């Protein structure tokens, strides 16, 4: 955990773009993106696979990103180049992606525990990003 400009940052996960289809992928229709989780025990790692017409910024589609929980998302993105958000992809989980020295960095503000966050992401419950999977 560290602090920059009166904002507290805590590592949350790493996102890695991939072209490989992976078991357990969740689909996000708004972003043309499939997400899957690694079995890594030390750090949370997500793999993101994108459709050719995904509207997400090229950096999100091609460059790995670090994600940090912050205590004040609005202050964290102030005067930053924001390429996504802010938006609430999981109920109670607000996100924005900025560019920091040419790299995408995901910033998250939430009071949810990691267990609740990952459960909602995997099940699609209370997770508007993946609601389409519940219709299947």
N, C-alpha and C. Protein backbone atom coordinates (compact mmCIF):
# COMPACT_ATOMS: atom_id res chain seq x y z
N UNK A 1 0.85 -1.16 0.00
CA UNK A 1 0.00 0.00 0.00
C UNK A 1 0.90 1.24 0.00
N UNK A 2 0.48 2.27 -0.74
CA UNK A 2 1.24 3.51 -0.76
C UNK A 2 0.29 4.68 -0.98
N UNK A 3 0.81 5.89 -0.80
CA UNK A 3 -0.01 7.07 -0.96
C UNK A 3 0.65 8.02 -1.95
N UNK A 4 -0.18 8.61 -2.82
CA UNK A 4 0.26 9.64 -3.77
C UNK A 4 -0.80 10.73 -3.78
N UNK A 5 -0.38 11.97 -3.58
CA UNK A 5 -1.28 13.13 -3.65
C UNK A 5 -2.56 12.91 -2.84
N UNK A 6 -2.40 12.48 -1.60
CA UNK A 6 -3.52 12.26 -0.67
C UNK A 6 -4.49 11.17 -1.09
N UNK A 7 -4.06 10.25 -1.94
CA UNK A 7 -4.87 9.09 -2.32
C UNK A 7 -4.09 7.84 -1.93
N UNK A 8 -4.78 6.91 -1.27
CA UNK A 8 -4.17 5.65 -0.88
C UNK A 8 -4.40 4.62 -1.98
N UNK A 9 -3.32 3.92 -2.38
CA UNK A 9 -3.35 2.90 -3.42
C UNK A 9 -2.98 1.55 -2.81
N UNK A 10 -3.75 0.52 -3.16
CA UNK A 10 -3.45 -0.83 -2.71
C UNK A 10 -3.57 -1.77 -3.91
N UNK A 11 -2.53 -2.57 -4.17
CA UNK A 11 -2.54 -3.48 -5.31
C UNK A 11 -3.78 -4.36 -5.26
N UNK A 12 -4.41 -4.57 -6.42
CA UNK A 12 -5.59 -5.43 -6.49
C UNK A 12 -5.40 -6.61 -7.44
N UNK A 13 -5.01 -6.35 -8.70
CA UNK A 13 -4.81 -7.45 -9.64
C UNK A 13 -4.00 -6.98 -10.84
N UNK A 14 -3.66 -7.95 -11.68
CA UNK A 14 -3.00 -7.68 -12.96
C UNK A 14 -3.93 -8.16 -14.05
N UNK A 15 -4.09 -7.37 -15.10
CA UNK A 15 -4.88 -7.77 -16.27
C UNK A 15 -3.96 -7.98 -17.44
N UNK A 16 -4.12 -9.10 -18.13
CA UNK A 16 -3.22 -9.45 -19.24
C UNK A 16 -4.04 -9.73 -20.49
N UNK A 17 -3.81 -8.95 -21.55
CA UNK A 17 -4.50 -9.25 -22.82
C UNK A 17 -4.00 -10.59 -23.37
N UNK A 18 -4.91 -11.33 -23.98
CA UNK A 18 -4.54 -12.62 -24.55
C UNK A 18 -5.37 -12.86 -25.81
N UNK A 19 -4.89 -13.74 -26.65
CA UNK A 19 -5.67 -14.17 -27.81
C UNK A 19 -6.18 -15.59 -27.62
N UNK A 20 -5.70 -16.24 -26.57
CA UNK A 20 -6.06 -17.63 -26.32
C UNK A 20 -7.44 -17.72 -25.66
N UNK A 21 -8.25 -18.66 -26.15
CA UNK A 21 -9.52 -18.95 -25.50
C UNK A 21 -9.19 -19.73 -24.23
N UNK A 22 -9.80 -19.31 -23.11
CA UNK A 22 -9.50 -19.94 -21.82
C UNK A 22 -10.78 -20.49 -21.20
N UNK A 23 -10.64 -21.55 -20.43
CA UNK A 23 -11.77 -22.16 -19.73
C UNK A 23 -12.34 -21.15 -18.74
N UNK A 24 -13.65 -21.09 -18.66
CA UNK A 24 -14.31 -20.25 -17.67
C UNK A 24 -14.42 -18.78 -18.05
N UNK A 25 -14.25 -18.46 -19.32
CA UNK A 25 -14.36 -17.06 -19.74
C UNK A 25 -15.76 -16.51 -19.49
N UNK A 26 -15.81 -15.24 -19.10
CA UNK A 26 -17.07 -14.50 -18.96
C UNK A 26 -17.08 -13.45 -20.07
N UNK A 27 -18.24 -13.27 -20.69
CA UNK A 27 -18.33 -12.34 -21.82
C UNK A 27 -18.98 -11.03 -21.40
N UNK A 28 -18.41 -9.93 -21.86
CA UNK A 28 -18.95 -8.60 -21.62
C UNK A 28 -19.39 -7.99 -22.95
N UNK A 29 -20.70 -8.02 -23.24
CA UNK A 29 -21.19 -7.48 -24.52
C UNK A 29 -20.83 -6.01 -24.75
N UNK A 30 -20.91 -5.13 -23.73
CA UNK A 30 -20.62 -3.72 -24.02
C UNK A 30 -19.18 -3.49 -24.51
N UNK A 31 -18.26 -4.36 -24.13
CA UNK A 31 -16.86 -4.15 -24.46
C UNK A 31 -16.29 -5.18 -25.43
N UNK A 32 -17.11 -6.16 -25.84
CA UNK A 32 -16.60 -7.19 -26.75
C UNK A 32 -15.38 -7.86 -26.15
N UNK A 33 -15.49 -8.24 -24.87
CA UNK A 33 -14.34 -8.74 -24.12
C UNK A 33 -14.72 -10.00 -23.35
N UNK A 34 -13.80 -10.95 -23.35
CA UNK A 34 -13.93 -12.16 -22.54
C UNK A 34 -12.90 -12.07 -21.42
N UNK A 35 -13.31 -12.41 -20.20
CA UNK A 35 -12.41 -12.36 -19.05
C UNK A 35 -12.36 -13.72 -18.38
N UNK A 36 -11.17 -14.14 -18.01
CA UNK A 36 -11.01 -15.37 -17.24
C UNK A 36 -9.96 -15.11 -16.16
N UNK A 37 -10.00 -15.93 -15.13
CA UNK A 37 -9.09 -15.77 -13.99
C UNK A 37 -8.04 -16.87 -14.00
N UNK A 38 -6.84 -16.52 -13.58
CA UNK A 38 -5.78 -17.53 -13.48
C UNK A 38 -5.95 -18.31 -12.18
N UNK A 39 -5.22 -19.38 -12.06
CA UNK A 39 -5.20 -20.15 -10.82
C UNK A 39 -4.05 -19.71 -9.92
N UNK A 40 -3.41 -18.62 -10.25
CA UNK A 40 -2.28 -18.11 -9.47
C UNK A 40 -2.72 -17.88 -8.03
N UNK A 41 -1.94 -18.33 -7.08
CA UNK A 41 -2.28 -18.19 -5.66
C UNK A 41 -1.67 -16.95 -5.02
N UNK A 42 -0.61 -16.42 -5.59
CA UNK A 42 0.08 -15.28 -4.98
C UNK A 42 -0.58 -13.95 -5.30
N UNK A 43 -1.03 -13.77 -6.53
CA UNK A 43 -1.64 -12.51 -6.95
C UNK A 43 -2.81 -12.82 -7.87
N UNK A 44 -3.83 -11.98 -7.82
CA UNK A 44 -4.96 -12.15 -8.74
C UNK A 44 -4.53 -11.72 -10.14
N UNK A 45 -4.76 -12.59 -11.10
CA UNK A 45 -4.44 -12.28 -12.49
C UNK A 45 -5.67 -12.59 -13.32
N UNK A 46 -6.06 -11.64 -14.16
CA UNK A 46 -7.16 -11.83 -15.09
C UNK A 46 -6.62 -11.78 -16.51
N UNK A 47 -7.17 -12.63 -17.35
CA UNK A 47 -6.85 -12.61 -18.77
C UNK A 47 -8.03 -12.00 -19.51
N UNK A 48 -7.75 -11.12 -20.44
CA UNK A 48 -8.79 -10.45 -21.22
C UNK A 48 -8.54 -10.73 -22.71
N UNK A 49 -9.57 -11.30 -23.35
CA UNK A 49 -9.52 -11.56 -24.79
C UNK A 49 -10.57 -10.69 -25.45
N UNK A 50 -10.21 -10.05 -26.55
CA UNK A 50 -11.08 -9.04 -27.16
C UNK A 50 -11.53 -9.45 -28.55
N UNK A 51 -12.78 -9.11 -28.87
CA UNK A 51 -13.26 -9.28 -30.23
C UNK A 51 -12.59 -8.22 -31.10
N UNK A 52 -12.52 -8.47 -32.39
CA UNK A 52 -11.85 -7.56 -33.32
C UNK A 52 -12.45 -6.16 -33.29
N UNK A 53 -13.76 -6.06 -33.04
CA UNK A 53 -14.41 -4.76 -33.06
C UNK A 53 -14.63 -4.17 -31.65
N UNK A 54 -13.91 -4.67 -30.66
CA UNK A 54 -14.03 -4.13 -29.30
C UNK A 54 -13.75 -2.63 -29.32
N UNK A 55 -14.60 -1.89 -28.62
CA UNK A 55 -14.48 -0.43 -28.57
C UNK A 55 -13.48 0.04 -27.51
N UNK A 56 -12.93 -0.86 -26.75
CA UNK A 56 -11.98 -0.45 -25.71
C UNK A 56 -10.71 0.14 -26.32
N UNK A 57 -10.11 1.04 -25.59
CA UNK A 57 -8.87 1.71 -26.01
C UNK A 57 -7.81 0.67 -26.37
N UNK A 58 -7.01 0.97 -27.35
CA UNK A 58 -5.97 0.04 -27.81
C UNK A 58 -5.05 -0.40 -26.68
N UNK A 59 -4.69 0.51 -25.79
CA UNK A 59 -3.82 0.12 -24.66
C UNK A 59 -4.47 -0.97 -23.82
N UNK A 60 -5.77 -0.89 -23.60
CA UNK A 60 -6.46 -1.91 -22.81
C UNK A 60 -6.43 -3.26 -23.54
N UNK A 61 -6.48 -3.21 -24.85
CA UNK A 61 -6.53 -4.45 -25.65
C UNK A 61 -5.16 -5.07 -25.90
N UNK A 62 -4.08 -4.31 -25.69
CA UNK A 62 -2.76 -4.80 -26.11
C UNK A 62 -1.69 -4.80 -25.03
N UNK A 63 -1.88 -4.07 -23.94
CA UNK A 63 -0.84 -3.92 -22.93
C UNK A 63 -1.36 -4.39 -21.57
N UNK A 64 -0.59 -5.22 -20.85
CA UNK A 64 -1.02 -5.61 -19.50
C UNK A 64 -1.19 -4.38 -18.62
N UNK A 65 -2.08 -4.51 -17.63
CA UNK A 65 -2.29 -3.39 -16.72
C UNK A 65 -2.28 -3.86 -15.27
N UNK A 66 -1.83 -2.97 -14.40
CA UNK A 66 -1.95 -3.18 -12.96
C UNK A 66 -3.23 -2.51 -12.51
N UNK A 67 -3.87 -3.08 -11.50
CA UNK A 67 -5.08 -2.49 -10.94
C UNK A 67 -4.86 -2.24 -9.45
N UNK A 68 -5.32 -1.08 -9.00
CA UNK A 68 -5.16 -0.68 -7.61
C UNK A 68 -6.49 -0.24 -7.03
N UNK A 69 -6.77 -0.64 -5.80
CA UNK A 69 -7.88 -0.05 -5.06
C UNK A 69 -7.42 1.31 -4.57
N UNK A 70 -8.30 2.31 -4.67
CA UNK A 70 -8.00 3.65 -4.18
C UNK A 70 -9.11 4.07 -3.23
N UNK A 71 -8.77 4.99 -2.33
CA UNK A 71 -9.78 5.44 -1.39
C UNK A 71 -10.62 6.60 -1.92
N UNK A 72 -10.21 7.20 -3.04
CA UNK A 72 -10.97 8.29 -3.64
C UNK A 72 -10.71 8.31 -5.14
N UNK A 73 -11.59 7.66 -5.89
CA UNK A 73 -11.41 7.52 -7.34
C UNK A 73 -11.40 8.88 -8.04
N UNK A 74 -12.31 9.75 -7.66
CA UNK A 74 -12.38 11.06 -8.32
C UNK A 74 -11.07 11.83 -8.14
N UNK A 75 -10.52 11.81 -6.97
CA UNK A 75 -9.25 12.50 -6.73
C UNK A 75 -8.10 11.79 -7.47
N UNK A 76 -8.15 10.47 -7.54
CA UNK A 76 -7.08 9.71 -8.21
C UNK A 76 -7.04 9.98 -9.71
N UNK A 77 -8.19 10.25 -10.32
CA UNK A 77 -8.21 10.47 -11.78
C UNK A 77 -8.12 11.95 -12.14
N UNK A 78 -8.16 12.82 -11.15
CA UNK A 78 -8.07 14.26 -11.42
C UNK A 78 -6.77 14.57 -12.15
N UNK A 79 -6.89 15.29 -13.26
CA UNK A 79 -5.74 15.72 -14.09
C UNK A 79 -5.02 14.54 -14.76
N UNK A 80 -5.67 13.37 -14.84
CA UNK A 80 -5.10 12.20 -15.51
C UNK A 80 -5.76 12.02 -16.87
N UNK A 81 -5.09 11.31 -17.77
CA UNK A 81 -5.70 10.92 -19.03
C UNK A 81 -6.55 9.67 -18.76
N UNK A 82 -7.86 9.84 -18.77
CA UNK A 82 -8.79 8.75 -18.49
C UNK A 82 -9.22 8.13 -19.82
N UNK A 83 -9.01 6.82 -19.96
CA UNK A 83 -9.38 6.16 -21.22
C UNK A 83 -10.61 5.25 -21.06
N UNK A 84 -11.08 5.09 -19.82
CA UNK A 84 -12.29 4.31 -19.58
C UNK A 84 -12.90 4.75 -18.25
N UNK A 85 -14.19 5.01 -18.27
CA UNK A 85 -14.90 5.34 -17.04
C UNK A 85 -14.82 6.80 -16.67
N UNK A 86 -15.11 7.05 -15.41
CA UNK A 86 -15.45 6.07 -14.37
C UNK A 86 -16.85 5.48 -14.58
N UNK A 87 -17.00 4.24 -14.16
CA UNK A 87 -18.27 3.54 -14.26
C UNK A 87 -18.31 2.46 -13.20
N UNK A 88 -19.50 1.89 -12.97
CA UNK A 88 -19.68 0.85 -11.97
C UNK A 88 -19.95 -0.47 -12.69
N UNK A 89 -18.93 -1.31 -12.81
CA UNK A 89 -19.07 -2.55 -13.55
C UNK A 89 -19.64 -3.67 -12.71
N UNK A 90 -19.44 -3.59 -11.42
CA UNK A 90 -20.03 -4.51 -10.46
C UNK A 90 -20.67 -3.61 -9.41
N UNK A 91 -21.89 -3.91 -8.99
CA UNK A 91 -22.55 -3.06 -8.01
C UNK A 91 -21.63 -2.85 -6.81
N UNK A 92 -21.36 -1.58 -6.48
CA UNK A 92 -20.49 -1.26 -5.35
C UNK A 92 -19.01 -1.28 -5.70
N UNK A 93 -18.68 -1.27 -6.99
CA UNK A 93 -17.30 -1.41 -7.46
C UNK A 93 -17.12 -0.43 -8.61
N UNK A 94 -16.58 0.75 -8.31
CA UNK A 94 -16.45 1.84 -9.30
C UNK A 94 -15.03 1.84 -9.86
N UNK A 95 -14.92 2.00 -11.18
CA UNK A 95 -13.64 1.82 -11.88
C UNK A 95 -13.39 2.92 -12.89
N UNK A 96 -12.11 3.23 -13.07
CA UNK A 96 -11.65 4.07 -14.19
C UNK A 96 -10.29 3.53 -14.60
N UNK A 97 -9.93 3.75 -15.87
CA UNK A 97 -8.60 3.37 -16.34
C UNK A 97 -7.93 4.64 -16.85
N UNK A 98 -6.71 4.84 -16.37
CA UNK A 98 -5.92 6.00 -16.78
C UNK A 98 -4.69 5.54 -17.55
N UNK A 99 -4.03 6.48 -18.19
CA UNK A 99 -2.75 6.21 -18.83
C UNK A 99 -1.68 6.85 -17.96
N UNK A 100 -0.71 6.05 -17.53
CA UNK A 100 0.39 6.54 -16.71
C UNK A 100 1.69 6.18 -17.43
N UNK A 101 2.37 7.18 -17.95
CA UNK A 101 3.61 6.99 -18.69
C UNK A 101 3.44 5.99 -19.84
N UNK A 102 2.31 6.09 -20.52
CA UNK A 102 2.06 5.24 -21.68
C UNK A 102 1.46 3.88 -21.36
N UNK A 103 1.20 3.60 -20.09
CA UNK A 103 0.67 2.30 -19.68
C UNK A 103 -0.72 2.45 -19.08
N UNK A 104 -1.61 1.48 -19.33
CA UNK A 104 -2.93 1.54 -18.70
C UNK A 104 -2.82 1.12 -17.23
N UNK A 105 -3.55 1.85 -16.38
CA UNK A 105 -3.62 1.52 -14.96
C UNK A 105 -5.09 1.60 -14.56
N UNK A 106 -5.60 0.52 -14.00
CA UNK A 106 -6.99 0.47 -13.55
C UNK A 106 -7.05 0.92 -12.10
N UNK A 107 -8.00 1.80 -11.81
CA UNK A 107 -8.20 2.30 -10.45
C UNK A 107 -9.61 1.92 -10.01
N UNK A 108 -9.72 1.41 -8.80
CA UNK A 108 -10.97 0.85 -8.29
C UNK A 108 -11.29 1.49 -6.94
N UNK A 109 -12.53 1.94 -6.78
CA UNK A 109 -12.98 2.38 -5.46
C UNK A 109 -14.13 1.48 -5.05
N UNK A 110 -13.99 0.83 -3.91
CA UNK A 110 -15.03 -0.09 -3.43
C UNK A 110 -14.87 -0.31 -1.93
N UNK A 111 -15.97 -0.69 -1.31
CA UNK A 111 -15.92 -1.13 0.09
C UNK A 111 -16.15 -2.64 0.16
N UNK A 112 -16.35 -3.27 -1.00
CA UNK A 112 -16.58 -4.71 -1.05
C UNK A 112 -15.30 -5.47 -0.73
N UNK A 113 -15.45 -6.62 -0.12
CA UNK A 113 -14.29 -7.48 0.12
C UNK A 113 -13.89 -8.13 -1.20
N UNK A 114 -12.65 -8.60 -1.29
CA UNK A 114 -12.20 -9.29 -2.50
C UNK A 114 -13.06 -10.53 -2.76
N UNK A 115 -13.45 -11.22 -1.71
CA UNK A 115 -14.28 -12.42 -1.88
C UNK A 115 -15.60 -12.07 -2.57
N UNK A 116 -16.24 -11.00 -2.16
CA UNK A 116 -17.49 -10.57 -2.78
C UNK A 116 -17.26 -10.13 -4.22
N UNK A 117 -16.20 -9.35 -4.44
CA UNK A 117 -15.89 -8.86 -5.78
C UNK A 117 -15.71 -10.02 -6.75
N UNK A 118 -14.84 -10.96 -6.41
CA UNK A 118 -14.54 -12.06 -7.33
C UNK A 118 -15.75 -12.98 -7.51
N UNK A 119 -16.55 -13.16 -6.45
CA UNK A 119 -17.76 -13.97 -6.58
C UNK A 119 -18.74 -13.32 -7.55
N UNK A 120 -18.94 -12.01 -7.43
CA UNK A 120 -19.86 -11.32 -8.35
C UNK A 120 -19.35 -11.37 -9.78
N UNK A 121 -18.06 -11.22 -9.96
CA UNK A 121 -17.49 -11.27 -11.32
C UNK A 121 -17.68 -12.65 -11.93
N UNK A 122 -17.42 -13.70 -11.16
CA UNK A 122 -17.50 -15.06 -11.68
C UNK A 122 -18.95 -15.47 -11.93
N UNK A 123 -19.87 -15.12 -11.03
CA UNK A 123 -21.26 -15.54 -11.18
C UNK A 123 -22.08 -14.62 -12.07
N UNK A 124 -21.62 -13.36 -12.24
CA UNK A 124 -22.38 -12.39 -13.01
C UNK A 124 -23.49 -11.74 -12.21
N UNK A 125 -23.67 -12.15 -10.97
CA UNK A 125 -24.71 -11.57 -10.12
C UNK A 125 -24.25 -10.20 -9.62
N UNK A 126 -25.13 -9.22 -9.75
CA UNK A 126 -24.83 -7.84 -9.38
C UNK A 126 -23.58 -7.34 -10.10
N UNK A 127 -23.40 -7.80 -11.34
CA UNK A 127 -22.25 -7.42 -12.15
C UNK A 127 -22.73 -7.07 -13.55
N UNK A 128 -23.07 -5.82 -13.75
CA UNK A 128 -23.63 -5.39 -15.04
C UNK A 128 -22.69 -5.65 -16.21
N UNK A 129 -21.41 -5.73 -15.94
CA UNK A 129 -20.44 -5.99 -17.00
C UNK A 129 -20.69 -7.33 -17.67
N UNK A 130 -21.17 -8.31 -16.90
CA UNK A 130 -21.35 -9.67 -17.42
C UNK A 130 -22.80 -10.15 -17.39
N UNK A 131 -23.78 -9.28 -17.39
CA UNK A 131 -25.17 -9.70 -17.24
C UNK A 131 -25.64 -10.63 -18.34
N UNK A 132 -25.10 -10.53 -19.52
CA UNK A 132 -25.55 -11.37 -20.62
C UNK A 132 -25.34 -12.85 -20.34
N UNK A 133 -24.34 -13.21 -19.54
CA UNK A 133 -24.08 -14.62 -19.30
C UNK A 133 -25.21 -15.26 -18.48
N UNK A 134 -25.97 -14.48 -17.74
CA UNK A 134 -27.06 -15.05 -16.95
C UNK A 134 -28.22 -15.50 -17.81
N UNK A 135 -28.33 -14.94 -19.01
CA UNK A 135 -29.42 -15.31 -19.91
C UNK A 135 -29.18 -16.67 -20.56
N UNK A 136 -27.92 -17.12 -20.54
CA UNK A 136 -27.58 -18.40 -21.19
C UNK A 136 -28.07 -19.59 -20.38
